[in-house]
Amino acid sequence: MAEQEDMTVVGADSHFEGKLTFERTAKINGKFDGEITGKGELQVSQNALCKADVEAGAVSVDGRIEGNVSAGDTVRLNGSGVVKGDINAAKMVMQEGASFYGMCAVGPDASQNRPKPSTPSTPTPPQPQEGKDGGKDDGGKK
């Protein structure tokens, strides 16, 4: 019973906005908007919506997270889990049926350095040049 006493819970009928910090375990059953930081495991229940950047020891997702997720150990996307954001973790488990939209860095170096993934730049293709007469450049053809 001591484990449940050390668990932080946002109830199914609750909507919390702000910053949550925890030491052991936190469970989101309702809606959370803001930022979550903890040393232990964050559990996002099946019908929960978490619009937050998350940094925790481990993260288990059965519901939905809209934000970046960083875990020192494992990110677990269960069959009904959805993450819309970047994931950075030492390990990742993704079950069939789970959805992930974002960039991912997984491995021992990812969890130690926790870099913010950047979007690669795409070069812009060259555009046709305007000719002296205001028309498109025809490449010298007349």
Protein backbone atom coordinates (compact mmCIF):
# COMPACT_ATOMS: atom_id res chain seq x y z
CA MET A 1 0.00 0.00 0.00
CA ALA A 2 2.99 2.34 0.50
CA GLU A 3 3.47 2.63 -3.27
CA GLN A 4 0.00 4.15 -3.80
CA GLU A 5 0.65 6.70 -1.03
CA ASP A 6 3.70 7.88 -2.98
CA MET A 7 1.78 8.23 -6.28
CA THR A 8 0.63 11.60 -7.61
CA VAL A 9 -2.67 11.27 -9.51
CA VAL A 10 -4.58 13.69 -11.72
CA GLY A 11 -8.08 12.20 -11.65
CA ALA A 12 -10.17 11.28 -14.69
CA ASP A 13 -12.61 14.14 -14.04
CA SER A 14 -9.79 16.68 -13.44
CA HIS A 15 -8.09 19.28 -15.63
CA PHE A 16 -4.78 20.56 -14.28
CA GLU A 17 -2.78 23.47 -15.72
CA GLY A 18 0.74 24.32 -14.62
CA LYS A 19 3.96 22.60 -13.65
CA LEU A 20 4.04 19.17 -12.04
CA THR A 21 7.14 17.78 -10.34
CA PHE A 22 7.30 14.36 -8.70
CA GLU A 23 9.82 11.97 -7.17
CA ARG A 24 8.44 8.42 -7.61
CA THR A 25 5.32 7.91 -9.75
CA ALA A 26 2.74 10.22 -11.31
CA LYS A 27 -0.39 9.08 -13.12
CA ILE A 28 -2.46 11.27 -15.42
CA ASN A 29 -6.05 10.01 -15.77
CA GLY A 30 -7.61 13.32 -16.86
CA LYS A 31 -6.28 16.38 -18.71
CA PHE A 32 -2.97 18.10 -18.02
CA ASP A 33 -1.62 21.27 -19.69
CA GLY A 34 1.85 22.56 -18.86
CA GLU A 35 5.16 20.95 -17.93
CA ILE A 36 5.97 17.68 -16.16
CA THR A 37 9.31 16.87 -14.54
CA GLY A 38 10.05 13.85 -12.38
CA LYS A 39 12.66 11.33 -11.35
CA GLY A 40 10.32 8.34 -11.41
CA GLU A 41 7.73 7.02 -13.87
CA LEU A 42 4.99 9.04 -15.53
CA GLN A 43 1.92 7.00 -16.49
CA VAL A 44 -0.57 8.48 -18.96
CA SER A 45 -3.81 6.48 -18.80
CA GLN A 46 -5.89 5.43 -21.80
CA ASN A 47 -8.38 8.32 -21.85
CA ALA A 48 -5.91 10.95 -20.59
CA LEU A 49 -4.71 13.97 -22.59
CA CYS A 50 -1.38 15.46 -21.65
CA LYS A 51 -0.43 18.68 -23.47
CA ALA A 52 3.00 19.08 -21.93
CA ASP A 53 6.71 18.70 -22.35
CA VAL A 54 7.70 15.73 -20.21
CA GLU A 55 11.02 14.86 -18.58
CA ALA A 56 10.99 11.77 -16.37
CA GLY A 57 12.91 8.64 -15.47
CA ALA A 58 10.43 6.53 -17.48
CA VAL A 59 7.22 7.26 -19.37
CA SER A 60 4.37 4.85 -20.12
CA VAL A 61 1.69 6.06 -22.56
CA ASP A 62 -1.74 4.50 -22.99
CA GLY A 63 -3.42 7.87 -23.67
CA ARG A 64 -2.14 10.91 -25.56
CA ILE A 65 0.85 13.22 -25.07
CA GLU A 66 1.16 16.37 -27.19
CA GLY A 67 4.65 17.65 -26.42
CA ASN A 68 8.27 16.52 -26.31
CA VAL A 69 9.14 13.52 -24.15
CA SER A 70 12.54 12.91 -22.55
CA ALA A 71 13.26 9.83 -20.40
CA GLY A 72 16.44 8.75 -18.67
CA ASP A 73 15.34 5.14 -19.09
CA THR A 74 12.36 3.87 -21.15
CA VAL A 75 9.51 5.42 -23.12
CA ARG A 76 6.79 2.81 -23.57
CA LEU A 77 4.05 3.47 -26.15
CA ASN A 78 1.33 0.93 -25.47
CA GLY A 79 -1.27 -0.15 -28.04
CA SER A 80 -3.58 2.84 -27.53
CA GLY A 81 -0.78 5.35 -26.86
CA VAL A 82 -0.19 8.45 -29.00
CA VAL A 83 2.74 10.88 -28.85
CA LYS A 84 2.81 14.03 -30.98
CA GLY A 85 6.26 15.44 -30.29
CA ASP A 86 9.91 14.47 -30.20
CA ILE A 87 11.12 11.56 -28.07
CA ASN A 88 14.55 11.30 -26.47
CA ALA A 89 15.22 8.18 -24.37
CA ALA A 90 17.70 5.45 -23.50
CA LYS A 91 15.15 2.79 -24.59
CA MET A 92 11.84 2.81 -26.43
CA VAL A 93 9.14 0.16 -26.71
CA MET A 94 6.31 0.68 -29.18
CA GLN A 95 3.45 -1.81 -29.34
CA GLU A 96 1.33 -2.48 -32.39
CA GLY A 97 -1.46 0.08 -32.60
CA ALA A 98 0.52 2.90 -30.98
CA SER A 99 1.07 6.17 -32.89
CA PHE A 100 4.09 8.46 -32.87
CA TYR A 101 4.47 11.72 -34.81
CA GLY A 102 7.85 13.39 -34.36
CA MET A 103 11.59 12.85 -34.28
CA CYS A 104 13.27 10.27 -32.11
CA ALA A 105 16.69 9.79 -30.51
CA VAL A 106 17.03 6.46 -28.69
CA GLY A 107 20.08 4.87 -27.11
CA PRO A 108 22.48 5.30 -24.20
CA ASP A 109 23.96 8.49 -25.64
CA ALA A 110 20.51 10.00 -26.24
CA SER A 111 19.50 9.77 -22.58
CA GLN A 112 22.83 11.14 -21.30
CA ASN A 113 23.06 14.15 -23.60
CA ARG A 114 19.33 14.76 -24.14
CA PRO A 115 19.85 16.90 -27.24
CA LYS A 116 16.91 18.76 -28.70
CA PRO A 117 16.30 17.27 -32.16
CA SER A 118 16.48 19.89 -34.89
CA THR A 119 14.63 19.97 -38.17
CA PRO A 120 17.02 19.50 -41.09
CA SER A 121 16.95 22.36 -43.57
CA THR A 122 15.85 21.59 -47.10
CA PRO A 123 17.55 23.58 -49.84
CA THR A 124 15.24 25.70 -51.94
CA PRO A 125 15.27 24.71 -55.62
CA PRO A 126 16.47 27.44 -58.02
CA GLN A 127 13.71 29.56 -59.52
CA PRO A 128 13.61 30.78 -63.15
CA GLN A 129 15.13 34.23 -63.59
CA GLU A 130 13.22 37.17 -65.00
CA GLY A 131 14.53 38.42 -68.39
CA LYS A 132 15.14 42.10 -69.23
CA ASP A 133 11.74 42.33 -70.90
CA GLY A 134 9.94 41.08 -67.73
CA GLY A 135 9.30 37.61 -69.17
CA LYS A 136 10.80 34.34 -68.00
CA ASP A 137 14.38 33.62 -68.99
CA ASP A 138 14.19 31.33 -72.00
CA GLY A 139 17.83 30.26 -71.69
CA GLY A 140 18.88 32.33 -74.72
CA LYS A 141 16.34 30.69 -77.06
CA LYS A 142 14.20 32.91 -79.29
